[in-house]
Amino acid sequence: MMGRRGVVVLYQPHQNVRQHEVREGYREAFIGADKVLWLPTYLTREDPELAVLTPEELTSGLANKEVAETVELSDELADRLRGYVKEGYLVILMTAGPADGWLRDKLASEVMK
């Protein structure tokens, strides 16, 4: 990867019911990432009878689970992401939830300089 130190993925799954359906598919989905920061699932249109899968449960099945870490949206996380960008990492956000607006608010102006 020219000019880049590596890849950091910030991942926010969408819908608990979907996580039950795709859980096994995550096994090799993040191969190649140097760090996977896993947010809690963005809950919408949920089945109240279905147990909510935690980030720890979802990351435990990853082939490269040693690079995965569960996180929450916070100022501390924003500072860490800024640090990764400054160190030369490509930070990729994967979400269908509020993490997009949060990341834009916290980092976009700095990254676009």
PDB file of N, CA and C in Angstrom:
ATOM      1  N   MET A   1       0.852  -1.174   0.000  1.00  0.00           N
ATOM      2  CA  MET A   1       0.000   0.000   0.000  1.00  0.00           C
ATOM      3  C   MET A   1       0.894   1.231   0.000  1.00  0.00           C
ATOM      4  N   MET A   2       1.024   1.902  -1.114  1.00  0.00           N
ATOM      5  CA  MET A   2       1.943   3.024  -1.255  1.00  0.00           C
ATOM      6  C   MET A   2       1.592   4.180  -0.335  1.00  0.00           C
ATOM      7  N   GLY A   3       2.581   4.614   0.428  1.00  0.00           N
ATOM      8  CA  GLY A   3       2.414   5.800   1.249  1.00  0.00           C
ATOM      9  C   GLY A   3       1.551   5.612   2.474  1.00  0.00           C
ATOM     10  N   ARG A   4       1.093   4.407   2.714  1.00  0.00           N
ATOM     11  CA  ARG A   4       0.248   4.170   3.874  1.00  0.00           C
ATOM     12  C   ARG A   4       0.908   3.183   4.817  1.00  0.00           C
ATOM     13  N   ARG A   5       0.682   3.383   6.073  1.00  0.00           N
ATOM     14  CA  ARG A   5       1.246   2.504   7.091  1.00  0.00           C
ATOM     15  C   ARG A   5       0.399   1.250   7.254  1.00  0.00           C
ATOM     16  N   GLY A   6      -0.883   1.345   7.001  1.00  0.00           N
ATOM     17  CA  GLY A   6      -1.791   0.224   7.172  1.00  0.00           C
ATOM     18  C   GLY A   6      -3.230   0.688   7.126  1.00  0.00           C
ATOM     19  N   VAL A   7      -4.126  -0.208   7.530  1.00  0.00           N
ATOM     20  CA  VAL A   7      -5.564   0.062   7.454  1.00  0.00           C
ATOM     21  C   VAL A   7      -6.205  -0.136   8.830  1.00  0.00           C
ATOM     22  N   VAL A   8      -6.973   0.864   9.235  1.00  0.00           N
ATOM     23  CA  VAL A   8      -7.781   0.796  10.450  1.00  0.00           C
ATOM     24  C   VAL A   8      -9.236   0.871  10.007  1.00  0.00           C
ATOM     25  N   VAL A   9     -10.038  -0.100  10.446  1.00  0.00           N
ATOM     26  CA  VAL A   9     -11.461  -0.123  10.110  1.00  0.00           C
ATOM     27  C   VAL A   9     -12.262   0.214  11.362  1.00  0.00           C
ATOM     28  N   LEU A  10     -13.128   1.199  11.247  1.00  0.00           N
ATOM     29  CA  LEU A  10     -14.112   1.509  12.284  1.00  0.00           C
ATOM     30  C   LEU A  10     -15.431   0.955  11.777  1.00  0.00           C
ATOM     31  N   TYR A  11     -15.969  -0.046  12.470  1.00  0.00           N
ATOM     32  CA  TYR A  11     -17.141  -0.764  11.971  1.00  0.00           C
ATOM     33  C   TYR A  11     -18.309  -0.657  12.937  1.00  0.00           C
ATOM     34  N   GLN A  12     -19.456  -0.257  12.403  1.00  0.00           N
ATOM     35  CA  GLN A  12     -20.699  -0.203  13.171  1.00  0.00           C
ATOM     36  C   GLN A  12     -21.740  -1.048  12.437  1.00  0.00           C
ATOM     37  N   PRO A  13     -21.999  -2.261  12.938  1.00  0.00           N
ATOM     38  CA  PRO A  13     -23.013  -3.105  12.291  1.00  0.00           C
ATOM     39  C   PRO A  13     -24.385  -2.444  12.344  1.00  0.00           C
ATOM     40  N   HIS A  14     -25.273  -2.917  11.496  1.00  0.00           N
ATOM     41  CA  HIS A  14     -26.620  -2.376  11.391  1.00  0.00           C
ATOM     42  C   HIS A  14     -27.634  -3.484  11.606  1.00  0.00           C
ATOM     43  N   GLN A  15     -28.518  -3.299  12.511  1.00  0.00           N
ATOM     44  CA  GLN A  15     -29.635  -4.181  12.848  1.00  0.00           C
ATOM     45  C   GLN A  15     -29.189  -5.500  13.491  1.00  0.00           C
ATOM     46  N   ASN A  16     -29.643  -5.710  14.692  1.00  0.00           N
ATOM     47  CA  ASN A  16     -29.330  -6.934  15.420  1.00  0.00           C
ATOM     48  C   ASN A  16     -29.812  -8.176  14.680  1.00  0.00           C
ATOM     49  N   VAL A  17     -31.003  -8.118  14.108  1.00  0.00           N
ATOM     50  CA  VAL A  17     -31.517  -9.284  13.393  1.00  0.00           C
ATOM     51  C   VAL A  17     -30.584  -9.655  12.240  1.00  0.00           C
ATOM     52  N   ARG A  18     -30.041  -8.649  11.581  1.00  0.00           N
ATOM     53  CA  ARG A  18     -29.087  -8.897  10.495  1.00  0.00           C
ATOM     54  C   ARG A  18     -27.807  -9.528  11.032  1.00  0.00           C
ATOM     55  N   GLN A  19     -27.364  -9.105  12.216  1.00  0.00           N
ATOM     56  CA  GLN A  19     -26.141  -9.667  12.788  1.00  0.00           C
ATOM     57  C   GLN A  19     -26.290 -11.160  13.062  1.00  0.00           C
ATOM     58  N   HIS A  20     -27.475 -11.563  13.470  1.00  0.00           N
ATOM     59  CA  HIS A  20     -27.739 -12.993  13.665  1.00  0.00           C
ATOM     60  C   HIS A  20     -27.626 -13.747  12.342  1.00  0.00           C
ATOM     61  N   GLU A  21     -28.025 -13.093  11.258  1.00  0.00           N
ATOM     62  CA  GLU A  21     -28.000 -13.735   9.935  1.00  0.00           C
ATOM     63  C   GLU A  21     -26.605 -13.791   9.325  1.00  0.00           C
ATOM     64  N   VAL A  22     -25.777 -12.785   9.563  1.00  0.00           N
ATOM     65  CA  VAL A  22     -24.477 -12.690   8.881  1.00  0.00           C
ATOM     66  C   VAL A  22     -23.277 -12.978   9.788  1.00  0.00           C
ATOM     67  N   ARG A  23     -23.534 -13.287  11.015  1.00  0.00           N
ATOM     68  CA  ARG A  23     -22.466 -13.466  12.003  1.00  0.00           C
ATOM     69  C   ARG A  23     -21.325 -14.358  11.501  1.00  0.00           C
ATOM     70  N   GLU A  24     -21.641 -15.484  10.921  1.00  0.00           N
ATOM     71  CA  GLU A  24     -20.611 -16.408  10.441  1.00  0.00           C
ATOM     72  C   GLU A  24     -19.810 -15.816   9.273  1.00  0.00           C
ATOM     73  N   GLY A  25     -20.424 -14.936   8.501  1.00  0.00           N
ATOM     74  CA  GLY A  25     -19.754 -14.308   7.369  1.00  0.00           C
ATOM     75  C   GLY A  25     -18.658 -13.332   7.759  1.00  0.00           C
ATOM     76  N   TYR A  26     -18.649 -12.904   9.008  1.00  0.00           N
ATOM     77  CA  TYR A  26     -17.612 -11.983   9.477  1.00  0.00           C
ATOM     78  C   TYR A  26     -16.248 -12.654   9.611  1.00  0.00           C
ATOM     79  N   ARG A  27     -16.216 -13.971   9.701  1.00  0.00           N
ATOM     80  CA  ARG A  27     -14.983 -14.706  10.015  1.00  0.00           C
ATOM     81  C   ARG A  27     -13.760 -14.147   9.278  1.00  0.00           C
ATOM     82  N   GLU A  28     -13.838 -13.995   7.985  1.00  0.00           N
ATOM     83  CA  GLU A  28     -12.683 -13.526   7.207  1.00  0.00           C
ATOM     84  C   GLU A  28     -12.905 -12.149   6.570  1.00  0.00           C
ATOM     85  N   ALA A  29     -13.954 -11.467   6.997  1.00  0.00           N
ATOM     86  CA  ALA A  29     -14.312 -10.191   6.372  1.00  0.00           C
ATOM     87  C   ALA A  29     -13.279  -9.082   6.597  1.00  0.00           C
ATOM     88  N   PHE A  30     -12.512  -9.174   7.660  1.00  0.00           N
ATOM     89  CA  PHE A  30     -11.589  -8.086   7.990  1.00  0.00           C
ATOM     90  C   PHE A  30     -10.119  -8.498   7.867  1.00  0.00           C
ATOM     91  N   ILE A  31      -9.878  -9.604   7.153  1.00  0.00           N
ATOM     92  CA  ILE A  31      -8.503 -10.025   6.889  1.00  0.00           C
ATOM     93  C   ILE A  31      -7.811  -8.893   6.118  1.00  0.00           C
ATOM     94  N   GLY A  32      -6.637  -8.538   6.527  1.00  0.00           N
ATOM     95  CA  GLY A  32      -5.900  -7.460   5.874  1.00  0.00           C
ATOM     96  C   GLY A  32      -5.950  -6.157   6.645  1.00  0.00           C
ATOM     97  N   ALA A  33      -6.908  -6.032   7.559  1.00  0.00           N
ATOM     98  CA  ALA A  33      -6.966  -4.830   8.393  1.00  0.00           C
ATOM     99  C   ALA A  33      -5.935  -4.956   9.508  1.00  0.00           C
ATOM    100  N   ASP A  34      -5.261  -3.860   9.796  1.00  0.00           N
ATOM    101  CA  ASP A  34      -4.288  -3.846  10.881  1.00  0.00           C
ATOM    102  C   ASP A  34      -4.956  -3.673  12.233  1.00  0.00           C
ATOM    103  N   LYS A  35      -6.112  -3.012  12.219  1.00  0.00           N
ATOM    104  CA  LYS A  35      -6.877  -2.780  13.438  1.00  0.00           C
ATOM    105  C   LYS A  35      -8.345  -2.698  13.030  1.00  0.00           C
ATOM    106  N   VAL A  36      -9.211  -3.371  13.808  1.00  0.00           N
ATOM    107  CA  VAL A  36     -10.657  -3.291  13.604  1.00  0.00           C
ATOM    108  C   VAL A  36     -11.258  -2.768  14.900  1.00  0.00           C
ATOM    109  N   LEU A  37     -11.860  -1.604  14.828  1.00  0.00           N
ATOM    110  CA  LEU A  37     -12.520  -0.987  15.972  1.00  0.00           C
ATOM    111  C   LEU A  37     -14.020  -1.201  15.789  1.00  0.00           C
ATOM    112  N   TRP A  38     -14.607  -2.022  16.639  1.00  0.00           N
ATOM    113  CA  TRP A  38     -15.977  -2.516  16.458  1.00  0.00           C
ATOM    114  C   TRP A  38     -16.922  -1.807  17.419  1.00  0.00           C
ATOM    115  N   LEU A  39     -17.853  -1.073  16.859  1.00  0.00           N
ATOM    116  CA  LEU A  39     -18.866  -0.361  17.634  1.00  0.00           C
ATOM    117  C   LEU A  39     -20.067  -1.266  17.903  1.00  0.00           C
ATOM    118  N   PRO A  40     -20.881  -0.922  18.919  1.00  0.00           N
ATOM    119  CA  PRO A  40     -22.126  -1.664  19.110  1.00  0.00           C
ATOM    120  C   PRO A  40     -23.015  -1.538  17.873  1.00  0.00           C
ATOM    121  N   THR A  41     -23.852  -2.516  17.676  1.00  0.00           N
ATOM    122  CA  THR A  41     -24.770  -2.534  16.537  1.00  0.00           C
ATOM    123  C   THR A  41     -25.753  -1.372  16.624  1.00  0.00           C
ATOM    124  N   TYR A  42     -25.951  -0.716  15.489  1.00  0.00           N
ATOM    125  CA  TYR A  42     -26.968   0.325  15.393  1.00  0.00           C
ATOM    126  C   TYR A  42     -28.314  -0.389  15.299  1.00  0.00           C
ATOM    127  N   LEU A  43     -29.131  -0.226  16.324  1.00  0.00           N
ATOM    128  CA  LEU A  43     -30.387  -0.966  16.429  1.00  0.00           C
ATOM    129  C   LEU A  43     -31.541  -0.203  15.792  1.00  0.00           C
ATOM    130  N   THR A  44     -32.170  -0.831  14.802  1.00  0.00           N
ATOM    131  CA  THR A  44     -33.366  -0.279  14.157  1.00  0.00           C
ATOM    132  C   THR A  44     -34.275  -1.430  13.765  1.00  0.00           C
ATOM    133  N   ARG A  45     -35.567  -1.197  13.830  1.00  0.00           N
ATOM    134  CA  ARG A  45     -36.573  -2.191  13.419  1.00  0.00           C
ATOM    135  C   ARG A  45     -36.259  -3.577  13.993  1.00  0.00           C
ATOM    136  N   GLU A  46     -36.052  -3.648  15.291  1.00  0.00           N
ATOM    137  CA  GLU A  46     -35.583  -4.871  15.926  1.00  0.00           C
ATOM    138  C   GLU A  46     -36.713  -5.768  16.405  1.00  0.00           C
ATOM    139  N   ASP A  47     -36.403  -7.045  16.518  1.00  0.00           N
ATOM    140  CA  ASP A  47     -37.279  -8.051  17.103  1.00  0.00           C
ATOM    141  C   ASP A  47     -36.963  -8.077  18.596  1.00  0.00           C
ATOM    142  N   PRO A  48     -37.907  -7.637  19.442  1.00  0.00           N
ATOM    143  CA  PRO A  48     -37.625  -7.577  20.875  1.00  0.00           C
ATOM    144  C   PRO A  48     -37.383  -8.949  21.509  1.00  0.00           C
ATOM    145  N   GLU A  49     -37.752  -9.997  20.816  1.00  0.00           N
ATOM    146  CA  GLU A  49     -37.565 -11.363  21.328  1.00  0.00           C
ATOM    147  C   GLU A  49     -36.141 -11.877  21.061  1.00  0.00           C
ATOM    148  N   LEU A  50     -35.398 -11.211  20.195  1.00  0.00           N
ATOM    149  CA  LEU A  50     -34.085 -11.680  19.772  1.00  0.00           C
ATOM    150  C   LEU A  50     -32.993 -11.051  20.634  1.00  0.00           C
ATOM    151  N   ALA A  51     -32.145 -11.886  21.218  1.00  0.00           N
ATOM    152  CA  ALA A  51     -31.044 -11.376  22.055  1.00  0.00           C
ATOM    153  C   ALA A  51     -30.126 -10.491  21.219  1.00  0.00           C
ATOM    154  N   VAL A  52     -29.747  -9.346  21.760  1.00  0.00           N
ATOM    155  CA  VAL A  52     -28.835  -8.434  21.073  1.00  0.00           C
ATOM    156  C   VAL A  52     -27.415  -8.986  21.181  1.00  0.00           C
ATOM    157  N   LEU A  53     -26.791  -9.206  20.038  1.00  0.00           N
ATOM    158  CA  LEU A  53     -25.408  -9.680  20.006  1.00  0.00           C
ATOM    159  C   LEU A  53     -24.476  -8.529  20.363  1.00  0.00           C
ATOM    160  N   THR A  54     -23.558  -8.786  21.256  1.00  0.00           N
ATOM    161  CA  THR A  54     -22.615  -7.759  21.688  1.00  0.00           C
ATOM    162  C   THR A  54     -21.436  -7.693  20.721  1.00  0.00           C
ATOM    163  N   PRO A  55     -20.705  -6.586  20.724  1.00  0.00           N
ATOM    164  CA  PRO A  55     -19.497  -6.517  19.908  1.00  0.00           C
ATOM    165  C   PRO A  55     -18.508  -7.638  20.248  1.00  0.00           C
ATOM    166  N   GLU A  56     -18.415  -7.984  21.522  1.00  0.00           N
ATOM    167  CA  GLU A  56     -17.505  -9.059  21.930  1.00  0.00           C
ATOM    168  C   GLU A  56     -17.920 -10.393  21.306  1.00  0.00           C
ATOM    169  N   GLU A  57     -19.216 -10.664  21.267  1.00  0.00           N
ATOM    170  CA  GLU A  57     -19.698 -11.901  20.644  1.00  0.00           C
ATOM    171  C   GLU A  57     -19.410 -11.897  19.144  1.00  0.00           C
ATOM    172  N   LEU A  58     -19.571 -10.755  18.510  1.00  0.00           N
ATOM    173  CA  LEU A  58     -19.370 -10.674  17.062  1.00  0.00           C
ATOM    174  C   LEU A  58     -17.897 -10.747  16.677  1.00  0.00           C
ATOM    175  N   THR A  59     -17.026 -10.156  17.476  1.00  0.00           N
ATOM    176  CA  THR A  59     -15.599 -10.185  17.135  1.00  0.00           C
ATOM    177  C   THR A  59     -14.931 -11.505  17.516  1.00  0.00           C
ATOM    178  N   SER A  60     -15.533 -12.257  18.409  1.00  0.00           N
ATOM    179  CA  SER A  60     -14.902 -13.505  18.866  1.00  0.00           C
ATOM    180  C   SER A  60     -14.764 -14.538  17.747  1.00  0.00           C
ATOM    181  N   GLY A  61     -15.565 -14.434  16.708  1.00  0.00           N
ATOM    182  CA  GLY A  61     -15.488 -15.382  15.603  1.00  0.00           C
ATOM    183  C   GLY A  61     -14.596 -14.947  14.455  1.00  0.00           C
ATOM    184  N   LEU A  62     -13.950 -13.800  14.566  1.00  0.00           N
ATOM    185  CA  LEU A  62     -13.076 -13.326  13.499  1.00  0.00           C
ATOM    186  C   LEU A  62     -11.823 -14.177  13.397  1.00  0.00           C
ATOM    187  N   ALA A  63     -11.388 -14.444  12.192  1.00  0.00           N
ATOM    188  CA  ALA A  63     -10.140 -15.184  11.978  1.00  0.00           C
ATOM    189  C   ALA A  63      -8.955 -14.406  12.537  1.00  0.00           C
ATOM    190  N   ASN A  64      -9.027 -13.083  12.489  1.00  0.00           N
ATOM    191  CA  ASN A  64      -7.951 -12.221  12.994  1.00  0.00           C
ATOM    192  C   ASN A  64      -8.426 -11.417  14.210  1.00  0.00           C
ATOM    193  N   LYS A  65      -9.077 -12.103  15.133  1.00  0.00           N
ATOM    194  CA  LYS A  65      -9.669 -11.409  16.282  1.00  0.00           C
ATOM    195  C   LYS A  65      -8.655 -10.658  17.136  1.00  0.00           C
ATOM    196  N   GLU A  66      -7.368 -10.990  16.988  1.00  0.00           N
ATOM    197  CA  GLU A  66      -6.349 -10.289  17.767  1.00  0.00           C
ATOM    198  C   GLU A  66      -6.222  -8.816  17.362  1.00  0.00           C
ATOM    199  N   VAL A  67      -6.697  -8.434  16.191  1.00  0.00           N
ATOM    200  CA  VAL A  67      -6.629  -7.032  15.767  1.00  0.00           C
ATOM    201  C   VAL A  67      -7.920  -6.280  16.088  1.00  0.00           C
ATOM    202  N   ALA A  68      -8.921  -6.995  16.614  1.00  0.00           N
ATOM    203  CA  ALA A  68     -10.228  -6.384  16.884  1.00  0.00           C
ATOM    204  C   ALA A  68     -10.317  -5.872  18.309  1.00  0.00           C
ATOM    205  N   GLU A  69     -11.001  -4.756  18.430  1.00  0.00           N
ATOM    206  CA  GLU A  69     -11.214  -4.134  19.736  1.00  0.00           C
ATOM    207  C   GLU A  69     -12.604  -3.524  19.741  1.00  0.00           C
ATOM    208  N   THR A  70     -13.331  -3.691  20.817  1.00  0.00           N
ATOM    209  CA  THR A  70     -14.649  -3.076  20.908  1.00  0.00           C
ATOM    210  C   THR A  70     -14.490  -1.657  21.444  1.00  0.00           C
ATOM    211  N   VAL A  71     -15.253  -0.735  20.852  1.00  0.00           N
ATOM    212  CA  VAL A  71     -15.138   0.679  21.208  1.00  0.00           C
ATOM    213  C   VAL A  71     -16.526   1.315  21.254  1.00  0.00           C
ATOM    214  N   GLU A  72     -16.577   2.510  21.768  1.00  0.00           N
ATOM    215  CA  GLU A  72     -17.779   3.345  21.789  1.00  0.00           C
ATOM    216  C   GLU A  72     -17.423   4.682  21.142  1.00  0.00           C
ATOM    217  N   LEU A  73     -18.411   5.348  20.563  1.00  0.00           N
ATOM    218  CA  LEU A  73     -18.183   6.694  20.039  1.00  0.00           C
ATOM    219  C   LEU A  73     -17.886   7.615  21.211  1.00  0.00           C
ATOM    220  N   SER A  74     -16.735   8.248  21.178  1.00  0.00           N
ATOM    221  CA  SER A  74     -16.327   9.113  22.284  1.00  0.00           C
ATOM    222  C   SER A  74     -15.233  10.055  21.795  1.00  0.00           C
ATOM    223  N   ASP A  75     -14.947  11.048  22.609  1.00  0.00           N
ATOM    224  CA  ASP A  75     -13.841  11.952  22.291  1.00  0.00           C
ATOM    225  C   ASP A  75     -12.524  11.189  22.295  1.00  0.00           C
ATOM    226  N   GLU A  76     -12.386  10.212  23.181  1.00  0.00           N
ATOM    227  CA  GLU A  76     -11.169   9.397  23.228  1.00  0.00           C
ATOM    228  C   GLU A  76     -10.975   8.643  21.913  1.00  0.00           C
ATOM    229  N   LEU A  77     -12.055   8.081  21.385  1.00  0.00           N
ATOM    230  CA  LEU A  77     -11.965   7.377  20.104  1.00  0.00           C
ATOM    231  C   LEU A  77     -11.602   8.355  18.991  1.00  0.00           C
ATOM    232  N   ALA A  78     -12.185   9.528  18.990  1.00  0.00           N
ATOM    233  CA  ALA A  78     -11.857  10.534  17.982  1.00  0.00           C
ATOM    234  C   ALA A  78     -10.370  10.879  18.031  1.00  0.00           C
ATOM    235  N   ASP A  79      -9.825  11.023  19.241  1.00  0.00           N
ATOM    236  CA  ASP A  79      -8.394  11.314  19.389  1.00  0.00           C
ATOM    237  C   ASP A  79      -7.549  10.166  18.841  1.00  0.00           C
ATOM    238  N   ARG A  80      -7.946   8.944  19.119  1.00  0.00           N
ATOM    239  CA  ARG A  80      -7.204   7.783  18.600  1.00  0.00           C
ATOM    240  C   ARG A  80      -7.219   7.764  17.078  1.00  0.00           C
ATOM    241  N   LEU A  81      -8.388   8.032  16.487  1.00  0.00           N
ATOM    242  CA  LEU A  81      -8.498   8.033  15.027  1.00  0.00           C
ATOM    243  C   LEU A  81      -7.640   9.139  14.422  1.00  0.00           C
ATOM    244  N   ARG A  82      -7.633  10.321  15.037  1.00  0.00           N
ATOM    245  CA  ARG A  82      -6.758  11.401  14.574  1.00  0.00           C
ATOM    246  C   ARG A  82      -5.305  10.943  14.590  1.00  0.00           C
ATOM    247  N   GLY A  83      -4.937  10.251  15.661  1.00  0.00           N
ATOM    248  CA  GLY A  83      -3.575   9.738  15.773  1.00  0.00           C
ATOM    249  C   GLY A  83      -3.245   8.745  14.668  1.00  0.00           C
ATOM    250  N   TYR A  84      -4.180   7.835  14.371  1.00  0.00           N
ATOM    251  CA  TYR A  84      -3.953   6.874  13.285  1.00  0.00           C
ATOM    252  C   TYR A  84      -3.745   7.591  11.949  1.00  0.00           C
ATOM    253  N   VAL A  85      -4.558   8.610  11.690  1.00  0.00           N
ATOM    254  CA  VAL A  85      -4.424   9.362  10.442  1.00  0.00           C
ATOM    255  C   VAL A  85      -3.060  10.047  10.388  1.00  0.00           C
ATOM    256  N   LYS A  86      -2.658  10.675  11.481  1.00  0.00           N
ATOM    257  CA  LYS A  86      -1.360  11.358  11.517  1.00  0.00           C
ATOM    258  C   LYS A  86      -0.202  10.385  11.345  1.00  0.00           C
ATOM    259  N   GLU A  87      -0.376   9.149  11.817  1.00  0.00           N
ATOM    260  CA  GLU A  87       0.669   8.127  11.681  1.00  0.00           C
ATOM    261  C   GLU A  87       0.709   7.514  10.284  1.00  0.00           C
ATOM    262  N   GLY A  88      -0.248   7.878   9.448  1.00  0.00           N
ATOM    263  CA  GLY A  88      -0.238   7.385   8.074  1.00  0.00           C
ATOM    264  C   GLY A  88      -1.172   6.225   7.789  1.00  0.00           C
ATOM    265  N   TYR A  89      -2.036   5.884   8.726  1.00  0.00           N
ATOM    266  CA  TYR A  89      -3.002   4.812   8.480  1.00  0.00           C
ATOM    267  C   TYR A  89      -4.170   5.326   7.647  1.00  0.00           C
ATOM    268  N   LEU A  90      -4.691   4.456   6.808  1.00  0.00           N
ATOM    269  CA  LEU A  90      -5.945   4.712   6.115  1.00  0.00           C
ATOM    270  C   LEU A  90      -7.054   4.280   7.054  1.00  0.00           C
ATOM    271  N   VAL A  91      -7.932   5.191   7.432  1.00  0.00           N
ATOM    272  CA  VAL A  91      -9.053   4.876   8.321  1.00  0.00           C
ATOM    273  C   VAL A  91     -10.299   4.737   7.467  1.00  0.00           C
ATOM    274  N   ILE A  92     -10.922   3.566   7.553  1.00  0.00           N
ATOM    275  CA  ILE A  92     -12.128   3.265   6.782  1.00  0.00           C
ATOM    276  C   ILE A  92     -13.289   3.119   7.748  1.00  0.00           C
ATOM    277  N   LEU A  93     -14.350   3.851   7.505  1.00  0.00           N
ATOM    278  CA  LEU A  93     -15.571   3.736   8.293  1.00  0.00           C
ATOM    279  C   LEU A  93     -16.576   2.913   7.521  1.00  0.00           C
ATOM    280  N   MET A  94     -17.152   1.921   8.189  1.00  0.00           N
ATOM    281  CA  MET A  94     -18.217   1.103   7.605  1.00  0.00           C
ATOM    282  C   MET A  94     -19.403   1.177   8.566  1.00  0.00           C
ATOM    283  N   THR A  95     -20.488   1.827   8.121  1.00  0.00           N
ATOM    284  CA  THR A  95     -21.650   2.014   8.989  1.00  0.00           C
ATOM    285  C   THR A  95     -22.888   2.340   8.162  1.00  0.00           C
ATOM    286  N   ALA A  96     -24.031   2.048   8.731  1.00  0.00           N
ATOM    287  CA  ALA A  96     -25.301   2.527   8.197  1.00  0.00           C
ATOM    288  C   ALA A  96     -26.015   3.292   9.304  1.00  0.00           C
ATOM    289  N   GLY A  97     -25.248   3.667  10.311  1.00  0.00           N
ATOM    290  CA  GLY A  97     -25.818   4.321  11.478  1.00  0.00           C
ATOM    291  C   GLY A  97     -25.190   5.669  11.748  1.00  0.00           C
ATOM    292  N   PRO A  98     -25.281   6.134  12.988  1.00  0.00           N
ATOM    293  CA  PRO A  98     -24.846   7.477  13.344  1.00  0.00           C
ATOM    294  C   PRO A  98     -23.335   7.687  13.371  1.00  0.00           C
ATOM    295  N   ALA A  99     -22.551   6.637  13.232  1.00  0.00           N
ATOM    296  CA  ALA A  99     -21.099   6.821  13.253  1.00  0.00           C
ATOM    297  C   ALA A  99     -20.628   7.706  12.101  1.00  0.00           C
ATOM    298  N   ASP A 100     -21.344   7.707  10.992  1.00  0.00           N
ATOM    299  CA  ASP A 100     -20.962   8.542   9.849  1.00  0.00           C
ATOM    300  C   ASP A 100     -20.988  10.021  10.221  1.00  0.00           C
ATOM    301  N   GLY A 101     -22.097  10.481  10.738  1.00  0.00           N
ATOM    302  CA  GLY A 101     -22.205  11.885  11.135  1.00  0.00           C
ATOM    303  C   GLY A 101     -21.231  12.243  12.243  1.00  0.00           C
ATOM    304  N   TRP A 102     -21.062  11.314  13.178  1.00  0.00           N
ATOM    305  CA  TRP A 102     -20.119  11.522  14.275  1.00  0.00           C
ATOM    306  C   TRP A 102     -18.702  11.707  13.743  1.00  0.00           C
ATOM    307  N   LEU A 103     -18.280  10.818  12.837  1.00  0.00           N
ATOM    308  CA  LEU A 103     -16.921  10.896  12.297  1.00  0.00           C
ATOM    309  C   LEU A 103     -16.720  12.177  11.490  1.00  0.00           C
ATOM    310  N   ARG A 104     -17.707  12.539  10.699  1.00  0.00           N
ATOM    311  CA  ARG A 104     -17.604  13.785   9.926  1.00  0.00           C
ATOM    312  C   ARG A 104     -17.457  14.982  10.851  1.00  0.00           C
ATOM    313  N   ASP A 105     -18.239  14.977  11.913  1.00  0.00           N
ATOM    314  CA  ASP A 105     -18.199  16.077  12.876  1.00  0.00           C
ATOM    315  C   ASP A 105     -16.843  16.150  13.579  1.00  0.00           C
ATOM    316  N   LYS A 106     -16.303  15.008  13.939  1.00  0.00           N
ATOM    317  CA  LYS A 106     -15.073  14.959  14.722  1.00  0.00           C
ATOM    318  C   LYS A 106     -13.792  15.102  13.912  1.00  0.00           C
ATOM    319  N   LEU A 107     -13.786  14.571  12.682  1.00  0.00           N
ATOM    320  CA  LEU A 107     -12.524  14.495  11.961  1.00  0.00           C
ATOM    321  C   LEU A 107     -12.487  15.113  10.577  1.00  0.00           C
ATOM    322  N   ALA A 108     -13.599  15.271   9.920  1.00  0.00           N
ATOM    323  CA  ALA A 108     -13.570  15.667   8.508  1.00  0.00           C
ATOM    324  C   ALA A 108     -12.821  16.962   8.266  1.00  0.00           C
ATOM    325  N   SER A 109     -13.032  17.954   9.084  1.00  0.00           N
ATOM    326  CA  SER A 109     -12.367  19.234   8.836  1.00  0.00           C
ATOM    327  C   SER A 109     -10.855  19.103   8.955  1.00  0.00           C
ATOM    328  N   GLU A 110     -10.385  18.247   9.858  1.00  0.00           N
ATOM    329  CA  GLU A 110      -8.944  18.062  10.027  1.00  0.00           C
ATOM    330  C   GLU A 110      -8.345  17.256   8.886  1.00  0.00           C
ATOM    331  N   VAL A 111      -9.040  16.219   8.458  1.00  0.00           N
ATOM    332  CA  VAL A 111      -8.532  15.345   7.420  1.00  0.00           C
ATOM    333  C   VAL A 111      -8.529  16.047   6.070  1.00  0.00           C
ATOM    334  N   MET A 112      -9.459  16.951   5.851  1.00  0.00           N
ATOM    335  CA  MET A 112      -9.589  17.619   4.553  1.00  0.00           C
ATOM    336  C   MET A 112      -8.636  18.802   4.416  1.00  0.00           C
ATOM    337  N   LYS A 113      -7.842  19.113   5.428  1.00  0.00           N
ATOM    338  CA  LYS A 113      -6.910  20.249   5.350  1.00  0.00           C
ATOM    339  C   LYS A 113      -5.839  19.994   4.318  1.00  0.00           C
TER     340      LYS A 113
END
